[in-house]
């Protein structure tokens, strides 16, 4: 017995984002959201406050708030790496096939 293809099935979501010309923006937003959540989780697990992290990084609480703001994409890798180090972590980035 042959199964019928669903005529209402579309393409994949990545193709849709690319066709709308927003793929890179969405990927960057997702990556920043993940990093912000991981840093917030590490702060909570270590019972540290934003002020504690700011003191360790020798920066302001506003700078830490920008790191934790999942809508702020204008952070340098150095800043993210410094935050990771202050939390006893290491920043790891990689390129993967699309």
N, C-alpha and C. Protein backbone atom coordinates (compact mmCIF):
# COMPACT_ATOMS: atom_id res chain seq x y z
N UNK A 1 0.84 -1.17 0.00
CA UNK A 1 0.00 0.00 0.00
C UNK A 1 0.89 1.25 0.00
N UNK A 2 0.63 2.13 -0.87
CA UNK A 2 1.41 3.35 -1.01
C UNK A 2 0.80 4.46 -0.16
N UNK A 3 1.65 5.18 0.59
CA UNK A 3 1.14 6.28 1.41
C UNK A 3 1.11 7.55 0.57
N UNK A 4 0.14 8.38 0.82
CA UNK A 4 0.01 9.64 0.10
C UNK A 4 0.84 10.71 0.80
N UNK A 5 1.45 11.56 0.02
CA UNK A 5 2.14 12.72 0.56
C UNK A 5 1.10 13.75 0.98
N UNK A 6 1.33 14.38 2.09
CA UNK A 6 0.44 15.44 2.53
C UNK A 6 0.68 16.66 1.66
N UNK A 7 -0.31 17.07 0.91
CA UNK A 7 -0.15 18.20 0.00
C UNK A 7 -0.04 19.54 0.74
N UNK A 8 -0.35 19.55 2.04
CA UNK A 8 -0.28 20.79 2.81
C UNK A 8 1.05 20.95 3.55
N UNK A 9 1.90 19.97 3.42
CA UNK A 9 3.19 20.04 4.10
C UNK A 9 4.11 21.00 3.36
N UNK A 10 4.70 21.93 4.10
CA UNK A 10 5.58 22.92 3.49
C UNK A 10 7.04 22.54 3.63
N UNK A 11 7.91 23.51 3.40
CA UNK A 11 9.34 23.31 3.54
C UNK A 11 9.75 23.38 4.99
N UNK A 12 11.06 23.44 5.23
CA UNK A 12 11.50 23.53 6.62
C UNK A 12 11.57 24.99 7.08
N UNK A 13 11.66 25.15 8.37
CA UNK A 13 11.60 26.49 8.96
C UNK A 13 12.80 27.33 8.58
N UNK A 14 14.00 26.72 8.50
CA UNK A 14 15.20 27.46 8.10
C UNK A 14 15.02 28.07 6.71
N UNK A 15 14.44 27.31 5.81
CA UNK A 15 14.20 27.83 4.46
C UNK A 15 13.25 29.02 4.49
N UNK A 16 12.24 28.95 5.34
CA UNK A 16 11.31 30.07 5.48
C UNK A 16 12.04 31.32 5.98
N UNK A 17 12.87 31.14 7.03
CA UNK A 17 13.60 32.29 7.58
C UNK A 17 14.53 32.89 6.55
N UNK A 18 15.17 32.04 5.76
CA UNK A 18 16.07 32.54 4.71
C UNK A 18 15.28 33.29 3.64
N UNK A 19 14.12 32.78 3.29
CA UNK A 19 13.31 33.46 2.27
C UNK A 19 12.81 34.82 2.76
N UNK A 20 12.63 34.94 4.06
CA UNK A 20 12.21 36.22 4.64
C UNK A 20 13.40 37.13 4.92
N UNK A 21 14.60 36.64 4.67
CA UNK A 21 15.85 37.38 4.88
C UNK A 21 16.10 37.73 6.35
N UNK A 22 15.71 36.83 7.25
CA UNK A 22 15.90 37.09 8.68
C UNK A 22 16.63 35.94 9.38
N UNK A 23 17.16 35.00 8.61
CA UNK A 23 17.79 33.81 9.18
C UNK A 23 18.93 34.16 10.14
N UNK A 24 19.86 35.02 9.71
CA UNK A 24 21.01 35.38 10.54
C UNK A 24 20.57 36.10 11.81
N UNK A 25 19.60 36.99 11.70
CA UNK A 25 19.11 37.71 12.88
C UNK A 25 18.49 36.75 13.89
N UNK A 26 17.71 35.80 13.40
CA UNK A 26 17.06 34.84 14.29
C UNK A 26 18.09 33.95 14.97
N UNK A 27 19.10 33.51 14.21
CA UNK A 27 20.15 32.67 14.79
C UNK A 27 20.95 33.43 15.84
N UNK A 28 21.27 34.69 15.57
CA UNK A 28 22.01 35.50 16.53
C UNK A 28 21.18 35.73 17.80
N UNK A 29 19.90 35.98 17.64
CA UNK A 29 19.02 36.19 18.79
C UNK A 29 18.92 34.91 19.62
N UNK A 30 18.83 33.78 18.97
CA UNK A 30 18.74 32.51 19.69
C UNK A 30 20.03 32.23 20.47
N UNK A 31 21.16 32.47 19.83
CA UNK A 31 22.45 32.24 20.50
C UNK A 31 22.60 33.16 21.71
N UNK A 32 22.23 34.43 21.57
CA UNK A 32 22.34 35.38 22.67
C UNK A 32 21.40 34.99 23.80
N UNK A 33 20.20 34.54 23.46
CA UNK A 33 19.24 34.12 24.48
C UNK A 33 19.78 32.94 25.28
N UNK A 34 20.41 31.99 24.60
CA UNK A 34 20.99 30.83 25.27
C UNK A 34 22.12 31.26 26.19
N UNK A 35 23.02 32.12 25.69
CA UNK A 35 24.14 32.59 26.52
C UNK A 35 23.64 33.35 27.75
N UNK A 36 22.68 34.23 27.56
CA UNK A 36 22.14 35.00 28.69
C UNK A 36 21.53 34.07 29.73
N UNK A 37 20.81 33.06 29.28
CA UNK A 37 20.19 32.10 30.20
C UNK A 37 21.25 31.29 30.94
N UNK A 38 22.30 30.88 30.24
CA UNK A 38 23.36 30.11 30.88
C UNK A 38 24.09 30.94 31.94
N UNK A 39 24.34 32.20 31.64
CA UNK A 39 25.00 33.07 32.61
C UNK A 39 24.09 33.31 33.81
N UNK A 40 22.82 33.54 33.57
CA UNK A 40 21.86 33.73 34.67
C UNK A 40 21.77 32.47 35.52
N UNK A 41 21.76 31.30 34.89
CA UNK A 41 21.72 30.04 35.63
C UNK A 41 22.97 29.85 36.48
N UNK A 42 24.12 30.20 35.93
CA UNK A 42 25.38 30.08 36.68
C UNK A 42 25.39 31.03 37.87
N UNK A 43 24.88 32.24 37.67
CA UNK A 43 24.77 33.20 38.78
C UNK A 43 23.91 32.62 39.91
N UNK A 44 22.77 32.09 39.53
CA UNK A 44 21.85 31.53 40.53
C UNK A 44 22.46 30.32 41.23
N UNK A 45 23.10 29.45 40.47
CA UNK A 45 23.69 28.24 41.05
C UNK A 45 24.81 28.56 42.03
N UNK A 46 25.51 29.66 41.76
CA UNK A 46 26.62 30.06 42.63
C UNK A 46 26.19 31.07 43.69
N UNK A 47 24.89 31.35 43.74
CA UNK A 47 24.33 32.31 44.70
C UNK A 47 25.04 33.67 44.62
N UNK A 48 25.28 34.11 43.39
CA UNK A 48 25.91 35.41 43.16
C UNK A 48 24.87 36.38 42.64
N UNK A 49 25.09 37.64 42.93
CA UNK A 49 24.22 38.69 42.42
C UNK A 49 24.90 39.36 41.23
N UNK A 50 24.14 40.20 40.55
CA UNK A 50 24.69 40.99 39.46
C UNK A 50 25.82 41.86 39.98
N UNK A 51 25.64 42.41 41.17
CA UNK A 51 26.68 43.26 41.77
C UNK A 51 27.95 42.45 42.05
N UNK A 52 27.79 41.21 42.52
CA UNK A 52 28.95 40.36 42.77
C UNK A 52 29.74 40.12 41.48
N UNK A 53 29.02 39.78 40.42
CA UNK A 53 29.68 39.52 39.14
C UNK A 53 30.34 40.79 38.61
N UNK A 54 29.67 41.91 38.74
CA UNK A 54 30.24 43.19 38.29
C UNK A 54 31.53 43.49 39.04
N UNK A 55 31.53 43.25 40.33
CA UNK A 55 32.73 43.49 41.15
C UNK A 55 33.88 42.59 40.68
N UNK A 56 33.59 41.31 40.45
CA UNK A 56 34.62 40.37 40.01
C UNK A 56 35.18 40.73 38.64
N UNK A 57 34.32 41.23 37.77
CA UNK A 57 34.75 41.61 36.42
C UNK A 57 35.30 43.03 36.36
N UNK A 58 35.24 43.74 37.47
CA UNK A 58 35.66 45.14 37.53
C UNK A 58 34.93 45.99 36.49
N UNK A 59 33.61 45.86 36.52
CA UNK A 59 32.76 46.61 35.60
C UNK A 59 31.51 47.06 36.35
N UNK A 60 30.57 47.63 35.66
CA UNK A 60 29.35 48.14 36.30
C UNK A 60 28.24 47.10 36.27
N UNK A 61 27.26 47.31 37.13
CA UNK A 61 26.07 46.44 37.11
C UNK A 61 25.31 46.61 35.79
N UNK A 62 25.35 47.81 35.23
CA UNK A 62 24.68 48.05 33.94
C UNK A 62 25.30 47.18 32.85
N UNK A 63 26.63 47.01 32.89
CA UNK A 63 27.29 46.16 31.89
C UNK A 63 26.85 44.71 32.05
N UNK A 64 26.69 44.26 33.29
CA UNK A 64 26.22 42.89 33.53
C UNK A 64 24.77 42.75 33.07
N UNK A 65 23.98 43.78 33.31
CA UNK A 65 22.59 43.75 32.85
C UNK A 65 22.51 43.63 31.33
N UNK A 66 23.44 44.27 30.61
CA UNK A 66 23.47 44.15 29.15
C UNK A 66 23.82 42.72 28.74
N UNK A 67 24.71 42.07 29.50
CA UNK A 67 25.06 40.67 29.21
C UNK A 67 23.84 39.79 29.40
N UNK A 68 23.07 40.05 30.44
CA UNK A 68 21.90 39.22 30.77
C UNK A 68 20.68 39.56 29.93
N UNK A 69 20.70 40.70 29.24
CA UNK A 69 19.58 41.12 28.40
C UNK A 69 19.61 40.34 27.10
N UNK A 70 18.65 39.45 26.91
CA UNK A 70 18.67 38.59 25.72
C UNK A 70 18.35 39.34 24.43
N UNK A 71 18.01 40.60 24.53
CA UNK A 71 17.73 41.40 23.33
C UNK A 71 18.91 42.29 22.94
N UNK A 72 19.95 42.31 23.75
CA UNK A 72 21.13 43.12 23.48
C UNK A 72 22.17 42.23 22.82
N UNK A 73 22.43 42.46 21.53
CA UNK A 73 23.35 41.62 20.77
C UNK A 73 24.72 42.25 20.59
N UNK A 74 24.91 43.44 21.11
CA UNK A 74 26.16 44.17 20.84
C UNK A 74 27.20 43.93 21.94
N UNK A 75 27.49 42.69 22.20
CA UNK A 75 28.51 42.34 23.18
C UNK A 75 29.72 41.76 22.47
N UNK A 76 30.87 42.05 23.02
CA UNK A 76 32.08 41.49 22.41
C UNK A 76 32.32 40.09 22.97
N UNK A 77 33.07 39.32 22.22
CA UNK A 77 33.45 37.99 22.70
C UNK A 77 34.31 38.11 23.96
N UNK A 78 35.09 39.16 24.03
CA UNK A 78 35.94 39.37 25.21
C UNK A 78 35.08 39.56 26.46
N UNK A 79 34.04 40.34 26.36
CA UNK A 79 33.15 40.57 27.50
C UNK A 79 32.48 39.27 27.93
N UNK A 80 31.99 38.50 26.96
CA UNK A 80 31.36 37.22 27.28
C UNK A 80 32.36 36.26 27.90
N UNK A 81 33.58 36.27 27.40
CA UNK A 81 34.62 35.40 27.94
C UNK A 81 34.98 35.80 29.37
N UNK A 82 35.06 37.10 29.62
CA UNK A 82 35.35 37.57 30.98
C UNK A 82 34.25 37.16 31.95
N UNK A 83 33.00 37.25 31.52
CA UNK A 83 31.88 36.84 32.37
C UNK A 83 31.96 35.34 32.66
N UNK A 84 32.26 34.56 31.64
CA UNK A 84 32.38 33.12 31.82
C UNK A 84 33.50 32.79 32.81
N UNK A 85 34.64 33.43 32.66
CA UNK A 85 35.77 33.20 33.56
C UNK A 85 35.42 33.57 34.99
N UNK A 86 34.74 34.68 35.18
CA UNK A 86 34.35 35.11 36.52
C UNK A 86 33.39 34.12 37.16
N UNK A 87 32.69 33.34 36.35
CA UNK A 87 31.76 32.33 36.87
C UNK A 87 32.39 30.93 36.89
N UNK A 88 33.70 30.87 36.64
CA UNK A 88 34.38 29.58 36.65
C UNK A 88 34.06 28.73 35.44
N UNK A 89 33.69 29.38 34.35
CA UNK A 89 33.31 28.70 33.11
C UNK A 89 34.27 29.11 32.01
N UNK A 90 34.06 28.53 30.84
CA UNK A 90 34.85 28.86 29.66
C UNK A 90 33.88 29.05 28.50
N UNK A 91 34.08 30.11 27.73
CA UNK A 91 33.25 30.38 26.57
C UNK A 91 33.73 29.51 25.42
N UNK A 92 32.80 28.83 24.77
CA UNK A 92 33.16 27.95 23.65
C UNK A 92 32.23 28.27 22.48
N UNK A 93 32.84 28.57 21.33
CA UNK A 93 32.09 28.84 20.10
C UNK A 93 32.55 27.87 19.03
N UNK A 94 31.67 27.55 18.12
CA UNK A 94 32.06 26.68 17.03
C UNK A 94 31.22 26.97 15.79
N UNK A 95 31.79 26.69 14.63
CA UNK A 95 31.05 26.77 13.38
C UNK A 95 30.59 25.35 13.05
N UNK A 96 29.34 25.23 12.66
CA UNK A 96 28.80 23.93 12.27
C UNK A 96 28.20 24.04 10.88
N UNK A 97 28.14 22.93 10.19
CA UNK A 97 27.56 22.93 8.85
C UNK A 97 26.09 23.32 8.92
N UNK A 98 25.64 24.12 7.97
CA UNK A 98 24.25 24.57 7.95
C UNK A 98 23.34 23.53 7.36
